[in-house]
Protein backbone atom coordinates (compact mmCIF):
# COMPACT_ATOMS: atom_id res chain seq x y z
CA MET A 1 -27.25 11.21 -1.47
CA THR A 2 -25.36 14.45 -0.82
CA SER A 3 -22.67 14.25 1.80
CA THR A 4 -19.02 14.84 2.59
CA VAL A 5 -18.11 11.45 1.06
CA PHE A 6 -19.07 12.72 -2.40
CA SER A 7 -17.50 16.15 -2.10
CA PRO A 8 -14.19 16.97 -3.81
CA VAL A 9 -10.90 17.15 -1.96
CA THR A 10 -7.34 18.04 -2.93
CA LEU A 11 -4.56 15.73 -1.78
CA GLY A 12 -1.30 17.33 -2.81
CA ALA A 13 -1.26 17.59 -6.61
CA ALA A 14 -4.29 15.30 -6.95
CA HIS A 15 -7.74 16.88 -7.18
CA LEU A 16 -10.26 14.18 -6.26
CA ARG A 17 -13.94 14.35 -7.22
CA ASN A 18 -14.91 12.35 -4.13
CA ARG A 19 -13.29 11.25 -0.88
CA ILE A 20 -13.27 7.49 -1.47
CA LEU A 21 -9.92 5.99 -2.37
CA MET A 22 -9.58 2.47 -3.69
CA ALA A 23 -7.12 0.85 -1.29
CA PRO A 24 -4.15 -1.19 -2.50
CA MET A 25 -5.06 -4.86 -3.01
CA THR A 26 -2.88 -7.60 -4.41
CA ARG A 27 -4.93 -9.61 -6.93
CA ALA A 28 -2.21 -11.92 -8.37
CA ARG A 29 -3.13 -11.26 -12.01
CA THR A 30 0.31 -10.27 -13.37
CA PRO A 31 2.31 -13.52 -13.72
CA SER A 32 4.99 -11.99 -15.95
CA THR A 33 5.33 -8.95 -13.58
CA VAL A 34 4.45 -6.77 -16.61
CA PRO A 35 0.97 -5.18 -16.36
CA ASN A 36 -1.35 -6.57 -19.02
CA ALA A 37 -4.65 -5.81 -20.77
CA ALA A 38 -6.74 -7.37 -17.99
CA ASN A 39 -4.96 -5.18 -15.42
CA ALA A 40 -5.79 -2.09 -17.48
CA THR A 41 -9.45 -3.10 -17.67
CA TYR A 42 -9.60 -3.84 -13.94
CA TYR A 43 -8.29 -0.45 -12.89
CA ALA A 44 -10.26 1.50 -15.50
CA GLN A 45 -13.47 -0.17 -14.30
CA ARG A 46 -12.81 1.34 -10.86
CA ALA A 47 -11.99 4.86 -12.02
CA GLY A 48 -15.06 6.20 -10.20
CA ALA A 49 -12.98 6.21 -7.01
CA GLY A 50 -11.64 9.62 -6.12
CA LEU A 51 -8.19 8.06 -6.35
CA ILE A 52 -6.97 4.52 -7.07
CA LEU A 53 -3.99 3.14 -5.17
CA THR A 54 -2.48 0.24 -7.07
CA GLU A 55 -1.61 -3.14 -5.70
CA ALA A 56 1.85 -3.41 -4.14
CA THR A 57 4.37 -2.96 -6.96
CA GLN A 58 7.95 -4.11 -6.43
CA VAL A 59 10.75 -1.63 -6.98
CA SER A 60 13.36 -4.29 -7.79
CA VAL A 61 13.90 -8.00 -8.29
CA GLN A 62 15.15 -8.07 -4.70
CA GLY A 63 11.88 -6.51 -3.55
CA ARG A 64 9.60 -9.15 -5.10
CA GLY A 65 7.80 -11.33 -2.58
CA ALA A 66 4.65 -12.87 -4.06
CA TRP A 67 3.52 -14.60 -7.22
CA ALA A 68 1.92 -12.65 -10.09
CA THR A 69 2.61 -9.21 -8.62
CA PRO A 70 3.73 -6.37 -10.92
CA GLY A 71 6.98 -4.44 -10.89
CA ILE A 72 8.03 -0.91 -11.77
CA HIS A 73 11.74 -1.43 -12.43
CA THR A 74 12.05 -2.49 -16.10
CA PRO A 75 11.17 -0.73 -19.36
CA GLU A 76 8.58 -3.42 -20.09
CA GLN A 77 6.87 -2.88 -16.75
CA ILE A 78 6.84 0.88 -17.24
CA ALA A 79 5.21 0.40 -20.66
CA GLY A 80 2.68 -2.01 -19.17
CA TRP A 81 1.74 0.45 -16.46
CA ARG A 82 1.40 3.21 -19.09
CA ARG A 83 -1.36 1.09 -20.61
CA VAL A 84 -3.07 1.03 -17.20
CA THR A 85 -2.71 4.74 -16.44
CA ASP A 86 -3.92 5.71 -19.91
CA ALA A 87 -7.03 3.56 -19.40
CA VAL A 88 -7.75 5.04 -15.97
CA HIS A 89 -7.27 8.61 -17.17
CA ALA A 90 -9.48 7.97 -20.21
CA ALA A 91 -12.18 6.86 -17.77
CA GLY A 92 -11.80 10.10 -15.80
CA GLY A 93 -9.85 8.63 -12.86
CA LEU A 94 -6.66 9.28 -10.93
CA ILE A 95 -4.14 6.63 -9.93
CA PHE A 96 -1.08 6.41 -7.65
CA CYS A 97 1.44 3.56 -7.82
CA GLN A 98 2.14 1.88 -4.49
CA ILE A 99 5.90 1.22 -4.50
CA TRP A 100 6.96 -1.80 -2.48
CA HIS A 101 9.89 -3.86 -1.24
CA SER A 102 8.80 -7.05 0.50
CA GLY A 103 11.99 -7.52 2.52
CA ARG A 104 11.91 -10.83 4.40
CA VAL A 105 8.40 -11.67 3.16
CA SER A 106 9.99 -13.31 0.15
CA HIS A 107 11.72 -16.51 -0.92
CA GLY A 108 14.81 -17.65 -2.79
CA PHE A 109 12.44 -18.47 -5.66
CA TYR A 110 12.26 -14.72 -6.39
CA GLN A 111 15.84 -13.76 -5.57
CA VAL A 112 18.82 -13.67 -7.90
CA ASN A 113 20.64 -17.03 -7.75
CA GLY A 114 18.21 -18.20 -5.08
CA GLU A 115 19.80 -15.98 -2.43
CA ALA A 116 18.16 -15.23 0.92
CA PRO A 117 15.75 -12.29 1.06
CA VAL A 118 16.96 -9.18 2.87
CA SER A 119 15.62 -7.44 5.95
CA SER A 120 16.70 -5.05 8.67
CA SER A 121 18.07 -8.05 10.61
CA ALA A 122 18.47 -11.80 10.19
CA VAL A 123 15.24 -12.56 12.05
CA LYS A 124 13.03 -15.30 10.65
CA GLY A 125 9.31 -14.81 11.06
CA ALA A 126 6.34 -17.15 11.08
CA ILE A 127 5.62 -16.22 7.47
CA ARG A 128 4.39 -17.99 4.36
CA THR A 129 4.46 -16.48 0.91
CA PHE A 130 3.11 -17.56 -2.45
CA ILE A 131 5.25 -18.92 -5.29
CA ASP A 132 4.16 -20.54 -8.56
CA THR A 133 3.23 -23.82 -6.85
CA GLY A 134 1.46 -22.42 -3.78
CA PHE A 135 2.26 -21.20 -0.26
CA VAL A 136 5.72 -21.93 1.17
CA ASP A 137 7.54 -20.99 4.37
CA THR A 138 9.91 -18.09 3.99
CA PRO A 139 13.59 -18.63 4.88
CA GLU A 140 15.67 -16.71 7.36
CA PRO A 141 16.60 -13.39 5.73
CA ARG A 142 20.00 -11.80 5.79
CA ALA A 143 20.53 -8.38 7.33
CA LEU A 144 21.24 -5.60 4.87
CA LEU A 145 24.79 -4.36 5.23
CA LEU A 146 25.14 -0.74 6.24
CA GLU A 147 26.70 0.10 2.89
CA GLU A 148 23.80 -1.55 1.02
CA ILE A 149 21.07 0.58 2.54
CA PRO A 150 21.55 3.69 0.33
CA GLY A 151 21.15 1.46 -2.71
CA VAL A 152 17.85 0.10 -1.41
CA VAL A 153 16.66 3.63 -0.67
CA GLU A 154 17.50 4.47 -4.28
CA GLN A 155 15.35 1.53 -5.44
CA TYR A 156 12.33 3.34 -4.05
CA ALA A 157 13.36 6.67 -5.60
CA GLN A 158 13.92 5.07 -9.00
CA GLY A 159 10.62 3.24 -8.70
CA ALA A 160 8.94 6.59 -8.10
CA ARG A 161 10.63 8.14 -11.14
CA ASN A 162 9.61 5.13 -13.22
CA ALA A 163 6.02 5.49 -12.01
CA MET A 164 5.88 9.08 -13.19
CA GLU A 165 7.30 7.98 -16.55
CA ALA A 166 4.47 5.43 -16.68
CA GLY A 167 1.91 8.21 -16.30
CA PHE A 168 0.90 7.84 -12.67
CA ASP A 169 -0.46 10.86 -10.81
CA GLY A 170 1.78 10.09 -7.83
CA VAL A 171 3.20 7.29 -5.71
CA GLN A 172 2.53 5.78 -2.32
CA ILE A 173 5.40 4.34 -0.29
CA HIS A 174 4.32 1.01 1.17
CA ALA A 175 5.63 1.38 4.72
CA ALA A 176 2.99 -0.89 6.28
CA ASN A 177 1.92 -4.50 6.74
CA GLY A 178 5.18 -6.12 7.76
CA TYR A 179 7.19 -5.39 4.62
CA LEU A 180 10.69 -3.93 4.45
CA VAL A 181 10.06 -0.44 5.86
CA ASP A 182 7.97 -1.94 8.68
CA GLN A 183 10.78 -4.43 9.32
CA PHE A 184 13.09 -1.51 10.04
CA LEU A 185 10.50 0.24 12.21
CA ARG A 186 9.62 -2.57 14.61
CA ASP A 187 11.95 -3.88 17.31
CA GLY A 188 10.57 -7.42 17.01
CA VAL A 189 12.44 -7.66 13.71
CA ASN A 190 15.02 -4.87 13.83
CA ARG A 191 17.89 -5.99 16.06
CA ARG A 192 20.50 -3.72 14.52
CA THR A 193 23.08 -1.94 16.67
CA ASP A 194 24.08 0.70 14.12
CA ALA A 195 22.38 3.98 13.14
CA TYR A 196 19.30 2.08 11.89
CA GLY A 197 18.57 0.15 15.08
CA GLY A 198 17.95 0.53 18.77
CA SER A 199 16.13 3.78 19.51
CA VAL A 200 12.82 4.76 17.95
CA GLU A 201 14.62 7.57 16.15
CA ASN A 202 17.13 5.16 14.64
CA ARG A 203 14.49 2.63 13.61
CA CYS A 204 12.57 5.39 11.82
CA ARG A 205 15.67 6.43 9.87
CA PHE A 206 15.06 4.10 6.91
CA LEU A 207 11.44 5.27 6.55
CA LEU A 208 12.55 8.90 6.56
CA GLU A 209 15.38 8.32 4.10
CA VAL A 210 13.05 6.51 1.71
CA THR A 211 10.41 9.23 2.04
CA ASP A 212 12.90 12.04 1.50
CA ALA A 213 14.43 10.27 -1.51
CA VAL A 214 11.02 9.81 -3.13
CA ILE A 215 10.07 13.42 -2.41
CA ALA A 216 13.31 14.54 -4.05
CA ALA A 217 12.50 12.36 -7.05
CA VAL A 218 8.86 13.29 -7.71
CA GLY A 219 7.86 16.05 -5.27
CA ALA A 220 6.14 15.99 -1.89
CA ASP A 221 2.78 16.79 -3.48
CA ARG A 222 2.92 13.51 -5.42
CA THR A 223 4.24 11.40 -2.54
CA ALA A 224 2.03 9.50 -0.09
CA VAL A 225 2.96 7.04 2.67
CA ARG A 226 0.99 4.11 4.07
CA LEU A 227 1.48 3.02 7.71
CA SER A 228 -0.28 0.30 9.76
CA PRO A 229 0.42 1.35 13.36
CA PHE A 230 -2.29 -0.72 15.06
CA SER A 231 -1.75 -4.14 13.49
CA VAL A 232 0.73 -7.00 13.45
CA THR A 233 1.26 -8.37 9.96
CA TRP A 234 3.60 -11.15 8.84
CA ASP A 235 4.90 -11.56 12.40
CA CYS A 236 6.31 -8.02 12.42
CA ARG A 237 5.90 -6.82 16.02
CA ASP A 238 6.97 -4.00 18.28
CA SER A 239 7.13 -3.63 22.06
CA ASP A 240 5.77 -0.05 22.12
CA LEU A 241 3.64 0.78 19.09
CA LYS A 242 2.46 4.10 20.47
CA SER A 243 5.95 5.53 21.02
CA LEU A 244 7.15 4.23 17.66
CA PHE A 245 4.31 5.46 15.51
CA THR A 246 3.63 8.79 17.17
CA HIS A 247 7.28 9.59 16.44
CA ALA A 248 7.09 8.27 12.87
CA VAL A 249 3.86 10.12 12.14
CA GLY A 250 5.21 13.29 13.69
CA GLN A 251 8.14 13.08 11.29
CA MET A 252 5.75 12.55 8.37
CA ASN A 253 3.91 15.68 9.49
CA SER A 254 6.91 17.86 8.69
CA ARG A 255 7.16 16.67 5.08
CA ASP A 256 3.96 18.09 3.54
CA LEU A 257 3.02 14.80 1.88
CA ALA A 258 0.19 14.51 -0.62
CA PHE A 259 -1.35 12.42 2.15
CA LEU A 260 -0.63 9.92 4.86
CA GLU A 261 -2.78 6.76 4.83
CA VAL A 262 -3.23 5.03 8.19
CA VAL A 263 -4.58 1.49 8.42
CA GLU A 264 -6.71 1.20 11.53
CA SER A 265 -7.13 -2.60 11.44
CA ILE A 266 -6.49 -5.65 9.27
CA ASN A 267 -8.52 -8.83 8.98
CA GLU A 268 -7.91 -10.26 5.55
CA ALA A 269 -6.20 -13.66 5.70
CA ALA A 270 -5.43 -16.52 8.02
CA ASP A 271 -1.73 -15.78 7.57
CA ILE A 272 -2.19 -12.31 9.03
CA SER A 273 -2.69 -11.85 12.76
CA SER A 274 -5.22 -9.09 13.17
CA GLY A 275 -4.90 -6.18 15.50
CA GLY A 276 -6.71 -2.93 15.93
CA SER A 277 -6.81 0.32 17.80
CA THR A 278 -7.19 0.19 21.57
CA VAL A 279 -8.07 2.56 24.37
CA ASP A 280 -4.35 3.16 24.92
CA PHE A 281 -3.43 3.75 21.26
CA ASN A 282 -5.85 4.73 18.53
CA ILE A 283 -6.50 7.17 15.71
CA ASP A 284 -6.83 10.03 18.21
CA ASP A 285 -3.12 9.67 18.94
CA ILE A 286 -2.37 10.00 15.22
CA LEU A 287 -4.58 13.07 14.87
CA ARG A 288 -2.76 14.74 17.77
CA VAL A 289 0.58 14.62 15.93
CA TYR A 290 -0.49 14.80 12.29
CA THR A 291 -2.00 17.95 10.82
CA GLY A 292 -1.48 17.15 7.15
CA ARG A 293 -3.85 15.45 4.72
CA LEU A 294 -4.99 12.16 6.27
CA VAL A 295 -6.65 9.12 4.72
CA ILE A 296 -7.80 6.29 6.96
CA ASN A 297 -8.56 2.66 6.15
CA GLY A 298 -10.40 0.09 8.22
CA GLY A 299 -13.46 -1.73 6.92
CA TYR A 300 -15.50 1.37 6.06
CA ASP A 301 -18.88 1.40 4.34
CA ALA A 302 -20.77 4.49 3.14
CA GLN A 303 -22.33 5.30 6.51
CA ARG A 304 -19.20 4.82 8.58
CA ALA A 305 -17.16 6.74 6.02
CA GLU A 306 -19.55 9.68 6.23
CA ALA A 307 -19.37 9.64 10.01
CA VAL A 308 -15.58 9.55 10.21
CA LEU A 309 -15.24 12.33 7.63
CA GLN A 310 -17.01 14.63 10.07
CA ARG A 311 -13.96 14.40 12.32
CA PRO A 312 -11.54 17.31 12.00
CA GLY A 313 -8.30 16.13 10.45
CA VAL A 314 -9.71 13.23 8.39
CA ASP A 315 -9.78 14.09 4.68
CA ALA A 316 -10.70 10.84 2.94
CA VAL A 317 -11.29 7.12 3.45
CA SER A 318 -9.72 4.22 1.57
CA ILE A 319 -11.78 1.11 0.94
CA GLY A 320 -10.47 -2.24 -0.22
CA ARG A 321 -12.42 -5.47 -0.55
CA PRO A 322 -15.81 -3.97 -1.51
CA PHE A 323 -14.12 -2.69 -4.68
CA ILE A 324 -13.28 -6.26 -5.72
CA ALA A 325 -16.84 -7.22 -6.64
CA ASN A 326 -18.17 -3.68 -7.07
CA PRO A 327 -16.11 -1.75 -9.60
CA ASP A 328 -18.80 0.96 -9.45
CA LEU A 329 -18.65 1.14 -5.66
CA VAL A 330 -18.95 4.94 -5.46
CA ARG A 331 -22.07 4.90 -7.63
CA ARG A 332 -23.59 2.15 -5.47
CA PHE A 333 -22.86 4.19 -2.35
CA ALA A 334 -24.47 7.26 -3.91
CA ARG A 335 -27.61 5.34 -4.87
CA GLY A 336 -27.82 3.23 -1.74
CA ALA A 337 -27.72 0.18 -4.01
CA ALA A 338 -27.01 -3.41 -2.99
CA MET A 339 -23.49 -4.77 -3.29
CA ASN A 340 -22.40 -7.65 -5.51
CA PRO A 341 -21.17 -10.66 -3.49
CA MET A 342 -17.42 -11.19 -3.73
CA GLY A 343 -17.65 -14.91 -4.48
CA ASP A 344 -15.07 -17.65 -4.09
CA PRO A 345 -11.74 -16.29 -2.74
CA ALA A 346 -9.92 -18.98 -4.71
CA VAL A 347 -11.16 -17.32 -7.90
CA VAL A 348 -10.95 -13.74 -6.67
CA TYR A 349 -7.30 -13.89 -5.58
CA GLY A 350 -5.58 -15.21 -8.67
CA GLY A 351 -6.61 -16.73 -11.96
CA ALA A 352 -7.94 -15.30 -15.20
CA GLU A 353 -10.76 -12.85 -15.94
CA ALA A 354 -13.37 -14.62 -13.79
CA GLY A 355 -13.53 -12.97 -10.39
CA TYR A 356 -11.44 -10.09 -11.67
CA ILE A 357 -13.06 -8.05 -14.44
CA ASP A 358 -16.43 -9.77 -14.86
CA PHE A 359 -18.51 -8.21 -12.05
CA PRO A 360 -21.73 -6.43 -13.14
CA VAL A 361 -22.18 -2.67 -12.77
CA LEU A 362 -25.25 -0.52 -12.35
CA PRO A 363 -26.73 1.20 -15.41
CA ASP A 364 -25.99 4.89 -15.88
């Protein structure tokens, strides 16, 4: 099968051999927060993707929000990720680290001295997160003090520097899915009355400061951003998504990112309320204000990916769940081969090697 999907594309400093990115997916296989041998195998198995985006990787202890997720803020974590990046590169792949602060989607279990998680404002959501014993309700967060915000911005910048030390080809700022950056963007959570709250411009300030700090740390050509403008995740809502995100994306347009990834829709867990593009606000609105390198995500298969890549302005597609059971997804697309079934979610999302690195691949 010869098509646009399998043609090369350059996204900033990354030269991809195809236009299929492996989307970020938390798999809960790093209980110590230090990437391990199984993590290295998992990512190397999927090196056929044009580019791998890692699972959400916390930039600090404060940023941790879910069980068995990795970090990028200690020497041990950096060394663990070096094992992963070496394995991916040896397999001929490219990999970006998705840097993440969970904000209010956390629990005292993860915080120093059991303190409350932080957010843009002290607004409790209808949110459950996972600790060592299972799902629990999250507590009311505390609002970050104005003088604390530069330090949190620096957490992202240091996480990006650490990622480059670990051998990554770049980083992606997780500004989507109801986590800390999204909590600053959306007026359903952000009730601040200072320079980070109120107007759309003010609510975008944290996103822009984080982005500019990461660019200063590792370069714009190795910096990507992920946004989810059409969905409500972890009870993180806004009264005017179109005004908010056309402004935010317009600001991203001026920064010459490696790429912007836009999530068109989410439908992954009962704890997530799904949304999607509408007649009034959809990917066309993004394309009108963004002329840089664009990756879109939203339940794509080979045929739909090929179709959307014919649209001017769309450079690549990121695909998530099919990569779980099909480490050789790109090869299967190219051959028109059947997909492996994903299996029991209870095994797939957490556990040992079963449901993680034991899926069969096609012969060469």
